[in-house]
Protein backbone atom coordinates (compact mmCIF):
# COMPACT_ATOMS: atom_id res chain seq x y z
CA MET A 1 60.63 -14.54 39.93
CA GLN A 2 58.22 -17.28 40.91
CA ARG A 3 55.68 -18.27 38.42
CA GLU A 4 51.88 -18.16 39.62
CA SER A 5 51.82 -22.00 39.62
CA GLN A 6 54.59 -22.07 42.27
CA ILE A 7 53.02 -19.32 44.48
CA GLN A 8 49.49 -21.02 44.34
CA ALA A 9 51.24 -24.46 45.49
CA ALA A 10 52.92 -22.64 48.39
CA ILE A 11 49.58 -20.81 49.36
CA LEU A 12 47.63 -24.13 49.25
CA ASN A 13 50.18 -25.91 51.33
CA TYR A 14 50.01 -23.12 53.79
CA LEU A 15 46.21 -22.86 54.05
CA ARG A 16 45.85 -26.71 54.45
CA SER A 17 48.47 -26.80 57.38
CA LEU A 18 46.04 -24.51 59.07
CA GLY A 19 43.12 -26.82 58.55
CA TRP A 20 41.40 -24.69 55.89
CA TRP A 21 39.32 -26.51 53.42
CA CYS A 22 40.48 -25.08 50.12
CA TRP A 23 40.92 -26.07 46.51
CA ALA A 24 42.29 -24.69 43.28
CA VAL A 25 40.22 -23.64 40.38
CA LYS A 26 41.44 -25.01 37.16
CA ALA A 27 40.71 -23.27 33.92
CA ALA A 28 38.31 -25.02 31.88
CA VAL A 29 35.74 -24.52 29.07
CA CYS A 30 32.82 -25.06 31.57
CA ASN A 31 34.05 -22.67 34.20
CA GLU A 32 32.95 -19.08 34.42
CA ARG A 33 35.59 -16.62 33.57
CA GLY A 34 37.61 -14.67 36.20
CA VAL A 35 36.85 -17.02 39.24
CA PRO A 36 39.62 -16.61 41.63
CA ASP A 37 42.40 -19.23 41.76
CA VAL A 38 41.96 -20.56 45.08
CA LEU A 39 38.64 -20.82 47.01
CA CYS A 40 38.58 -21.58 50.73
CA CYS A 41 36.26 -22.00 53.65
CA CYS A 42 36.99 -22.04 57.42
CA ARG A 43 34.67 -21.72 60.46
CA GLY A 44 31.88 -20.43 58.12
CA ARG A 45 34.13 -17.77 56.48
CA PHE A 46 34.36 -17.91 52.67
CA VAL A 47 37.60 -16.49 51.07
CA ALA A 48 38.84 -16.43 47.52
CA PHE A 49 42.38 -15.60 46.62
CA GLU A 50 43.19 -14.42 43.12
CA ILE A 51 47.06 -15.16 42.81
CA LYS A 52 49.21 -12.84 40.75
CA THR A 53 53.05 -12.62 40.31
CA GLN A 54 54.81 -9.15 41.21
CA LYS A 55 53.80 -7.79 37.74
CA GLY A 56 50.43 -9.47 37.17
CA ARG A 57 47.24 -7.47 37.00
CA LEU A 58 43.59 -8.41 37.45
CA SER A 59 41.54 -8.86 34.09
CA GLY A 60 38.12 -7.48 33.81
CA PRO A 61 36.25 -10.69 34.43
CA GLN A 62 38.53 -11.34 37.60
CA LYS A 63 37.57 -7.77 38.89
CA ILE A 64 33.81 -8.52 38.33
CA GLN A 65 34.11 -12.00 40.14
CA ILE A 66 35.68 -10.38 43.10
CA GLN A 67 32.96 -7.70 43.32
CA ARG A 68 30.39 -10.44 43.16
CA ILE A 69 32.03 -12.38 45.95
CA HIS A 70 32.07 -9.27 48.25
CA ARG A 71 28.44 -8.47 47.38
CA ALA A 72 27.57 -12.22 48.58
CA GLY A 73 29.14 -11.66 51.88
CA GLY A 74 32.58 -13.49 51.08
CA ARG A 75 35.99 -12.10 51.03
CA ALA A 76 38.09 -12.04 47.87
CA VAL A 77 41.53 -10.57 47.51
CA THR A 78 44.53 -10.52 45.14
CA VAL A 79 47.67 -11.98 46.65
CA ARG A 80 51.22 -12.44 45.69
CA SER A 81 52.80 -14.59 48.30
CA VAL A 82 52.12 -16.69 51.28
CA GLU A 83 52.99 -13.47 53.39
CA ASP A 84 50.03 -11.67 51.79
CA VAL A 85 47.67 -14.68 52.68
CA ARG A 86 49.07 -14.47 56.22
CA ALA A 87 48.38 -10.74 56.49
CA ILE A 88 44.68 -11.34 55.14
CA LEU A 89 43.97 -14.16 57.69
CA GLU A 90 45.02 -11.94 60.51
CA THR A 91 42.24 -9.47 59.58
CA LEU A 92 39.74 -12.13 59.55
CA ASP A 93 37.51 -13.05 62.68
CA LEU A 94 38.06 -16.71 62.75
CA LYS A 95 36.97 -17.22 66.33
CA GLN A 96 34.12 -19.61 66.98
CA ASP A 97 30.88 -17.99 68.06
CA ASP A 98 30.42 -17.97 71.79
CA THR A 99 26.93 -19.44 71.39
CA GLU A 100 28.10 -22.26 69.07
CA GLN A 101 31.19 -23.17 71.40
CA ALA A 102 28.89 -23.25 74.53
CA ALA A 103 26.35 -25.38 72.72
CA LYS A 104 29.06 -27.84 71.68
CA ASN A 105 30.02 -28.62 75.30
CA LYS A 106 26.20 -29.41 76.11
CA SER A 107 24.80 -33.02 75.56
CA GLN A 108 21.35 -31.61 74.37
CA LYS A 109 21.47 -29.14 71.38
CA VAL A 110 18.66 -27.60 69.06
CA LYS A 111 19.37 -25.63 65.87
CA ILE A 112 18.34 -22.00 65.71
CA LYS A 113 18.64 -20.45 62.31
CA SER A 114 19.54 -16.84 61.92
CA ASN A 115 19.00 -15.10 58.56
CA ASP A 116 21.02 -11.90 59.50
CA SER A 117 23.85 -12.84 57.13
CA PRO A 118 24.69 -10.19 54.32
CA SER A 119 24.78 -13.00 51.70
CA GLY A 120 21.36 -14.05 52.53
CA TRP A 121 22.37 -17.69 53.58
CA GLY A 122 21.47 -17.94 57.39
CA LYS A 123 24.10 -19.02 60.03
CA ILE A 124 22.92 -21.98 62.25
CA TYR A 125 23.77 -21.82 65.96
CA TYR A 126 23.18 -24.27 68.50
CA ALA A 127 21.68 -23.69 71.89
CA LYS A 128 20.98 -25.83 74.93
CA LYS A 129 17.34 -27.25 75.03
CA ASN A 130 15.45 -26.20 77.93
């Protein structure tokens, strides 16, 4: 059976190969208890992965942190393999917003802020100036 650290290394390599910005959270005295093992962001989507072996179980603080991430509008999941991560990524909408993509193709852009995000953090869209 693989150790958690081996699973984590394989997951980080996989995510980085896809262009995700991600990092491993190391246990330290100053860290908040229960923060997931791997934190990632890609195209405005925040995803946290709590890595467990086949027999591993979530602790109370880990369950609380996962709930807090969900309430903030992020995604947090427990995974046991790279295959689990692949399956999760297939459920995410990672396509660029049509408005953002169209604006990137134009030479003149203006920022339009939208506060409709469930986390309370606004998205920034780019639109052509008139």
